[in-house]
Amino acid sequence: MKKIGLPLILILTLATGLGASANEGASHIDWFNVLGKVFNSTVLFGGLILLLRKPLIQMLSRKSSDIRNDIVEREKNLADTSVRLLDIQQRLDKVAAEVDGMKKSAEAAGRDELARLQEAGRLEAKRIIALSEEEIRQRVDAAVRAVKGRIADLAIERFKNEFARSLDAETQKKIIERNIDACGDLDEGK
């Protein structure tokens, strides 16, 4: 490409110079003027190429080196970012697994607590029913005793009234003697 570039520039310069000369006069070509322009152009472009070749190559080399370094650095950053992203993803997976574990553990603990509370409720209900039944039985027994006591009191009152009506002196004497005999038997037992 470099070898083709210089002759191409010279040919373009020559064509430009010839075109300009043709406009001035169709029959007259000033070859000396054309050769002067070609020579001036060759010296100008050749000198520029010779002077700017090394700095241009160095600049392009530095630029390509900077670009290469930038690409390498970006690839390195991309690799680091990929590693960090993978690490973050793994942490997120662990967190999700821990959350699922906590959720399952909480649900199991909730079910266990519910079962414990239901069992405690059943036991408390049985205890309350048993206490209620015992209290009812005690109240019934107390009521039966009260009724029996009242019946006994009424029977004694009736018996007393009948006994007082039917008690005469002879019967009273027999009762007293029997009680005296019973008291005597008690003294002997001592």
C-alpha atoms as a PDB file:
ATOM      1  CA  MET A   1       0.000   0.000   0.000  1.00  0.00           C
ATOM      2  CA  LYS A   2       2.886   2.358   0.817  1.00  0.00           C
ATOM      3  CA  LYS A   3       4.544   1.771  -2.537  1.00  0.00           C
ATOM      4  CA  ILE A   4       1.325   2.404  -4.422  1.00  0.00           C
ATOM      5  CA  GLY A   5       0.492   5.563  -2.472  1.00  0.00           C
ATOM      6  CA  LEU A   6       3.433   7.728  -3.627  1.00  0.00           C
ATOM      7  CA  PRO A   7       3.110   7.107  -7.380  1.00  0.00           C
ATOM      8  CA  LEU A   8      -0.648   7.559  -7.091  1.00  0.00           C
ATOM      9  CA  ILE A   9      -0.144  10.949  -5.488  1.00  0.00           C
ATOM     10  CA  LEU A  10       2.328  11.914  -8.211  1.00  0.00           C
ATOM     11  CA  ILE A  11      -0.050  10.848 -10.979  1.00  0.00           C
ATOM     12  CA  LEU A  12      -2.920  12.784  -9.403  1.00  0.00           C
ATOM     13  CA  THR A  13      -0.751  15.843  -9.070  1.00  0.00           C
ATOM     14  CA  LEU A  14       0.358  15.537 -12.706  1.00  0.00           C
ATOM     15  CA  ALA A  15      -3.212  15.096 -13.878  1.00  0.00           C
ATOM     16  CA  THR A  16      -4.268  18.143 -11.913  1.00  0.00           C
ATOM     17  CA  GLY A  17      -1.456  20.174 -13.346  1.00  0.00           C
ATOM     18  CA  LEU A  18      -2.263  19.009 -16.897  1.00  0.00           C
ATOM     19  CA  GLY A  19      -5.911  19.756 -16.421  1.00  0.00           C
ATOM     20  CA  ALA A  20      -5.102  23.258 -15.292  1.00  0.00           C
ATOM     21  CA  SER A  21      -2.779  23.757 -18.261  1.00  0.00           C
ATOM     22  CA  ALA A  22      -5.368  22.486 -20.703  1.00  0.00           C
ATOM     23  CA  ASN A  23      -7.769  25.110 -19.523  1.00  0.00           C
ATOM     24  CA  GLU A  24      -5.288  27.878 -20.225  1.00  0.00           C
ATOM     25  CA  GLY A  25      -4.711  26.997 -23.794  1.00  0.00           C
ATOM     26  CA  ALA A  26      -5.432  23.944 -25.837  1.00  0.00           C
ATOM     27  CA  SER A  27      -2.379  24.142 -28.055  1.00  0.00           C
ATOM     28  CA  HIS A  28       0.210  25.168 -25.647  1.00  0.00           C
ATOM     29  CA  ILE A  29       1.563  22.940 -22.794  1.00  0.00           C
ATOM     30  CA  ASP A  30       4.273  24.346 -20.664  1.00  0.00           C
ATOM     31  CA  TRP A  31       6.182  21.200 -19.774  1.00  0.00           C
ATOM     32  CA  PHE A  32       8.617  23.016 -17.643  1.00  0.00           C
ATOM     33  CA  ASN A  33       5.856  24.384 -15.453  1.00  0.00           C
ATOM     34  CA  VAL A  34       4.272  20.908 -15.202  1.00  0.00           C
ATOM     35  CA  LEU A  35       7.573  19.320 -14.289  1.00  0.00           C
ATOM     36  CA  GLY A  36       8.161  22.039 -11.695  1.00  0.00           C
ATOM     37  CA  LYS A  37       4.786  21.388 -10.095  1.00  0.00           C
ATOM     38  CA  VAL A  38       5.416  17.636 -10.101  1.00  0.00           C
ATOM     39  CA  PHE A  39       8.827  18.175  -8.603  1.00  0.00           C
ATOM     40  CA  ASN A  40       7.498  20.580  -5.956  1.00  0.00           C
ATOM     41  CA  SER A  41       4.698  18.175  -5.065  1.00  0.00           C
ATOM     42  CA  THR A  42       7.123  15.245  -4.882  1.00  0.00           C
ATOM     43  CA  VAL A  43       9.508  17.177  -2.663  1.00  0.00           C
ATOM     44  CA  LEU A  44       6.642  18.441  -0.475  1.00  0.00           C
ATOM     45  CA  PHE A  45       4.920  15.078  -0.026  1.00  0.00           C
ATOM     46  CA  GLY A  46       8.181  13.116   0.121  1.00  0.00           C
ATOM     47  CA  GLY A  47       9.551  15.473   2.767  1.00  0.00           C
ATOM     48  CA  LEU A  48       6.333  15.303   4.745  1.00  0.00           C
ATOM     49  CA  ILE A  49       6.394  11.504   4.549  1.00  0.00           C
ATOM     50  CA  LEU A  50      10.051  11.373   5.592  1.00  0.00           C
ATOM     51  CA  LEU A  51       9.577  13.863   8.433  1.00  0.00           C
ATOM     52  CA  LEU A  52       6.259  12.603   9.736  1.00  0.00           C
ATOM     53  CA  ARG A  53       6.763   8.890   9.113  1.00  0.00           C
ATOM     54  CA  LYS A  54       8.442   8.035  12.449  1.00  0.00           C
ATOM     55  CA  PRO A  55       6.291  10.286  14.682  1.00  0.00           C
ATOM     56  CA  LEU A  56       3.182   9.087  12.844  1.00  0.00           C
ATOM     57  CA  ILE A  57       4.221   5.445  13.240  1.00  0.00           C
ATOM     58  CA  GLN A  58       5.053   6.051  16.914  1.00  0.00           C
ATOM     59  CA  MET A  59       1.752   7.824  17.501  1.00  0.00           C
ATOM     60  CA  LEU A  60      -0.190   5.061  15.766  1.00  0.00           C
ATOM     61  CA  SER A  61       1.841   2.457  17.651  1.00  0.00           C
ATOM     62  CA  ARG A  62       1.104   4.176  20.972  1.00  0.00           C
ATOM     63  CA  LYS A  63      -2.553   4.515  20.065  1.00  0.00           C
ATOM     64  CA  SER A  64      -2.808   0.838  19.086  1.00  0.00           C
ATOM     65  CA  SER A  65      -0.912  -0.101  22.271  1.00  0.00           C
ATOM     66  CA  ASP A  66      -3.289   2.040  24.340  1.00  0.00           C
ATOM     67  CA  ILE A  67      -6.266   0.492  22.592  1.00  0.00           C
ATOM     68  CA  ARG A  68      -4.812  -3.006  23.126  1.00  0.00           C
ATOM     69  CA  ASN A  69      -4.179  -2.209  26.814  1.00  0.00           C
ATOM     70  CA  ASP A  70      -7.684  -0.781  27.119  1.00  0.00           C
ATOM     71  CA  ILE A  71      -9.139  -3.939  25.546  1.00  0.00           C
ATOM     72  CA  VAL A  72      -7.069  -6.145  27.871  1.00  0.00           C
ATOM     73  CA  GLU A  73      -8.108  -4.064  30.881  1.00  0.00           C
ATOM     74  CA  ARG A  74     -11.759  -4.173  29.861  1.00  0.00           C
ATOM     75  CA  GLU A  75     -11.551  -7.939  29.382  1.00  0.00           C
ATOM     76  CA  LYS A  76      -9.921  -8.215  32.809  1.00  0.00           C
ATOM     77  CA  ASN A  77     -12.632  -5.995  34.333  1.00  0.00           C
ATOM     78  CA  LEU A  78     -15.255  -8.058  32.548  1.00  0.00           C
ATOM     79  CA  ALA A  79     -13.735 -11.268  33.953  1.00  0.00           C
ATOM     80  CA  ASP A  80     -13.599  -9.730  37.455  1.00  0.00           C
ATOM     81  CA  THR A  81     -17.160  -8.521  37.100  1.00  0.00           C
ATOM     82  CA  SER A  82     -18.237 -11.965  35.907  1.00  0.00           C
ATOM     83  CA  VAL A  83     -16.566 -13.548  38.947  1.00  0.00           C
ATOM     84  CA  ARG A  84     -18.225 -11.027  41.271  1.00  0.00           C
ATOM     85  CA  LEU A  85     -21.556 -11.577  39.546  1.00  0.00           C
ATOM     86  CA  LEU A  86     -21.171 -15.343  39.966  1.00  0.00           C
ATOM     87  CA  ASP A  87     -20.257 -14.848  43.640  1.00  0.00           C
ATOM     88  CA  ILE A  88     -23.272 -12.584  44.158  1.00  0.00           C
ATOM     89  CA  GLN A  89     -25.506 -15.103  42.397  1.00  0.00           C
ATOM     90  CA  GLN A  90     -24.195 -17.877  44.656  1.00  0.00           C
ATOM     91  CA  ARG A  91     -24.830 -15.716  47.719  1.00  0.00           C
ATOM     92  CA  LEU A  92     -28.329 -14.948  46.492  1.00  0.00           C
ATOM     93  CA  ASP A  93     -28.928 -18.670  45.968  1.00  0.00           C
ATOM     94  CA  LYS A  94     -27.695 -19.340  49.520  1.00  0.00           C
ATOM     95  CA  VAL A  95     -29.931 -16.589  50.877  1.00  0.00           C
ATOM     96  CA  ALA A  96     -32.894 -17.986  48.949  1.00  0.00           C
ATOM     97  CA  ALA A  97     -32.121 -21.472  50.303  1.00  0.00           C
ATOM     98  CA  GLU A  98     -31.835 -20.079  53.845  1.00  0.00           C
ATOM     99  CA  VAL A  99     -35.121 -18.212  53.456  1.00  0.00           C
ATOM    100  CA  ASP A 100     -36.800 -21.398  52.200  1.00  0.00           C
ATOM    101  CA  GLY A 101     -35.290 -23.325  55.125  1.00  0.00           C
ATOM    102  CA  MET A 102     -36.461 -20.687  57.599  1.00  0.00           C
ATOM    103  CA  LYS A 103     -39.908 -20.676  56.048  1.00  0.00           C
ATOM    104  CA  LYS A 104     -40.186 -24.473  56.209  1.00  0.00           C
ATOM    105  CA  SER A 105     -38.833 -24.484  59.766  1.00  0.00           C
ATOM    106  CA  ALA A 106     -41.301 -21.777  60.818  1.00  0.00           C
ATOM    107  CA  GLU A 107     -44.176 -23.646  59.179  1.00  0.00           C
ATOM    108  CA  ALA A 108     -43.156 -26.890  60.922  1.00  0.00           C
ATOM    109  CA  ALA A 109     -42.787 -25.058  64.252  1.00  0.00           C
ATOM    110  CA  GLY A 110     -46.195 -23.449  63.688  1.00  0.00           C
ATOM    111  CA  ARG A 111     -47.786 -26.843  62.974  1.00  0.00           C
ATOM    112  CA  ASP A 112     -46.106 -28.341  66.054  1.00  0.00           C
ATOM    113  CA  GLU A 113     -47.233 -25.419  68.225  1.00  0.00           C
ATOM    114  CA  LEU A 114     -50.777 -25.685  66.835  1.00  0.00           C
ATOM    115  CA  ALA A 115     -50.841 -29.421  67.585  1.00  0.00           C
ATOM    116  CA  ARG A 116     -49.478 -28.762  71.097  1.00  0.00           C
ATOM    117  CA  LEU A 117     -52.078 -26.062  71.726  1.00  0.00           C
ATOM    118  CA  GLN A 118     -54.880 -28.278  70.409  1.00  0.00           C
ATOM    119  CA  GLU A 119     -53.736 -31.152  72.650  1.00  0.00           C
ATOM    120  CA  ALA A 120     -53.454 -28.784  75.627  1.00  0.00           C
ATOM    121  CA  GLY A 121     -56.947 -27.495  74.803  1.00  0.00           C
ATOM    122  CA  ARG A 122     -58.327 -31.045  74.675  1.00  0.00           C
ATOM    123  CA  LEU A 123     -56.680 -31.884  78.006  1.00  0.00           C
ATOM    124  CA  GLU A 124     -57.972 -28.676  79.576  1.00  0.00           C
ATOM    125  CA  ALA A 125     -61.468 -29.372  78.226  1.00  0.00           C
ATOM    126  CA  LYS A 126     -61.349 -32.901  79.686  1.00  0.00           C
ATOM    127  CA  ARG A 127     -60.126 -31.504  83.011  1.00  0.00           C
ATOM    128  CA  ILE A 128     -62.860 -28.871  83.067  1.00  0.00           C
ATOM    129  CA  ILE A 129     -65.480 -31.484  82.166  1.00  0.00           C
ATOM    130  CA  ALA A 130     -64.124 -33.820  84.866  1.00  0.00           C
ATOM    131  CA  LEU A 131     -64.143 -30.992  87.429  1.00  0.00           C
ATOM    132  CA  SER A 132     -67.628 -29.983  86.347  1.00  0.00           C
ATOM    133  CA  GLU A 133     -68.847 -33.569  86.606  1.00  0.00           C
ATOM    134  CA  GLU A 134     -67.217 -33.905  90.062  1.00  0.00           C
ATOM    135  CA  GLU A 135     -68.744 -30.605  91.181  1.00  0.00           C
ATOM    136  CA  ILE A 136     -72.136 -31.670  89.849  1.00  0.00           C
ATOM    137  CA  ARG A 137     -71.797 -35.042  91.615  1.00  0.00           C
ATOM    138  CA  GLN A 138     -70.800 -33.302  94.860  1.00  0.00           C
ATOM    139  CA  ARG A 139     -73.720 -30.890  94.583  1.00  0.00           C
ATOM    140  CA  VAL A 140     -76.114 -33.768  93.865  1.00  0.00           C
ATOM    141  CA  ASP A 141     -74.685 -35.692  96.821  1.00  0.00           C
ATOM    142  CA  ALA A 142     -75.018 -32.599  99.025  1.00  0.00           C
ATOM    143  CA  ALA A 143     -78.574 -32.068  97.809  1.00  0.00           C
ATOM    144  CA  VAL A 144     -79.402 -35.750  98.444  1.00  0.00           C
ATOM    145  CA  ARG A 145     -77.871 -35.496 101.941  1.00  0.00           C
ATOM    146  CA  ALA A 146     -79.804 -32.296 102.569  1.00  0.00           C
ATOM    147  CA  VAL A 147     -83.012 -33.950 101.391  1.00  0.00           C
ATOM    148  CA  LYS A 148     -82.275 -37.072 103.488  1.00  0.00           C
ATOM    149  CA  GLY A 149     -81.456 -34.858 106.494  1.00  0.00           C
ATOM    150  CA  ARG A 150     -84.683 -32.954 105.997  1.00  0.00           C
ATOM    151  CA  ILE A 151     -86.608 -36.226 105.629  1.00  0.00           C
ATOM    152  CA  ALA A 152     -84.890 -37.539 108.775  1.00  0.00           C
ATOM    153  CA  ASP A 153     -85.733 -34.345 110.652  1.00  0.00           C
ATOM    154  CA  LEU A 154     -89.329 -34.563 109.478  1.00  0.00           C
ATOM    155  CA  ALA A 155     -89.464 -38.251 110.396  1.00  0.00           C
ATOM    156  CA  ILE A 156     -88.034 -37.543 113.850  1.00  0.00           C
ATOM    157  CA  GLU A 157     -90.453 -34.674 114.339  1.00  0.00           C
ATOM    158  CA  ARG A 158     -93.349 -36.877 113.306  1.00  0.00           C
ATOM    159  CA  PHE A 159     -92.066 -39.767 115.415  1.00  0.00           C
ATOM    160  CA  LYS A 160     -91.644 -37.404 118.363  1.00  0.00           C
ATOM    161  CA  ASN A 161     -95.152 -36.051 117.945  1.00  0.00           C
ATOM    162  CA  GLU A 162     -96.603 -39.555 117.697  1.00  0.00           C
ATOM    163  CA  PHE A 163     -94.429 -40.752 120.562  1.00  0.00           C
ATOM    164  CA  ALA A 164     -95.513 -37.839 122.741  1.00  0.00           C
ATOM    165  CA  ARG A 165     -99.182 -38.595 121.974  1.00  0.00           C
ATOM    166  CA  SER A 166     -98.839 -42.279 122.642  1.00  0.00           C
ATOM    167  CA  LEU A 167     -96.530 -42.036 125.664  1.00  0.00           C
ATOM    168  CA  ASP A 168     -98.077 -42.976 128.897  1.00  0.00           C
ATOM    169  CA  ALA A 169     -96.524 -43.434 132.313  1.00  0.00           C
ATOM    170  CA  GLU A 170     -96.027 -47.179 131.978  1.00  0.00           C
ATOM    171  CA  THR A 171     -94.242 -46.884 128.583  1.00  0.00           C
ATOM    172  CA  GLN A 172     -92.127 -44.056 129.877  1.00  0.00           C
ATOM    173  CA  LYS A 173     -91.035 -46.176 132.852  1.00  0.00           C
ATOM    174  CA  LYS A 174     -90.031 -49.087 130.557  1.00  0.00           C
ATOM    175  CA  ILE A 175     -87.960 -46.741 128.325  1.00  0.00           C
ATOM    176  CA  ILE A 176     -86.127 -45.308 131.315  1.00  0.00           C
ATOM    177  CA  GLU A 177     -85.318 -48.782 132.658  1.00  0.00           C
ATOM    178  CA  ARG A 178     -84.003 -49.933 129.313  1.00  0.00           C
ATOM    179  CA  ASN A 179     -81.751 -46.879 129.091  1.00  0.00           C
ATOM    180  CA  ILE A 180     -80.467 -47.495 132.596  1.00  0.00           C
ATOM    181  CA  ASP A 181     -79.700 -51.112 131.702  1.00  0.00           C
ATOM    182  CA  ALA A 182     -77.919 -49.990 128.514  1.00  0.00           C
ATOM    183  CA  CYS A 183     -75.832 -47.511 130.519  1.00  0.00           C
ATOM    184  CA  GLY A 184     -74.905 -50.254 132.954  1.00  0.00           C
ATOM    185  CA  ASP A 185     -73.724 -52.437 130.078  1.00  0.00           C
ATOM    186  CA  LEU A 186     -71.549 -49.578 128.903  1.00  0.00           C
ATOM    187  CA  ASP A 187     -69.863 -49.285 132.311  1.00  0.00           C
ATOM    188  CA  GLU A 188     -69.024 -52.981 132.293  1.00  0.00           C
ATOM    189  CA  GLY A 189     -67.329 -52.697 128.901  1.00  0.00           C
ATOM    190  CA  LYS A 190     -64.841 -50.223 130.289  1.00  0.00           C
END
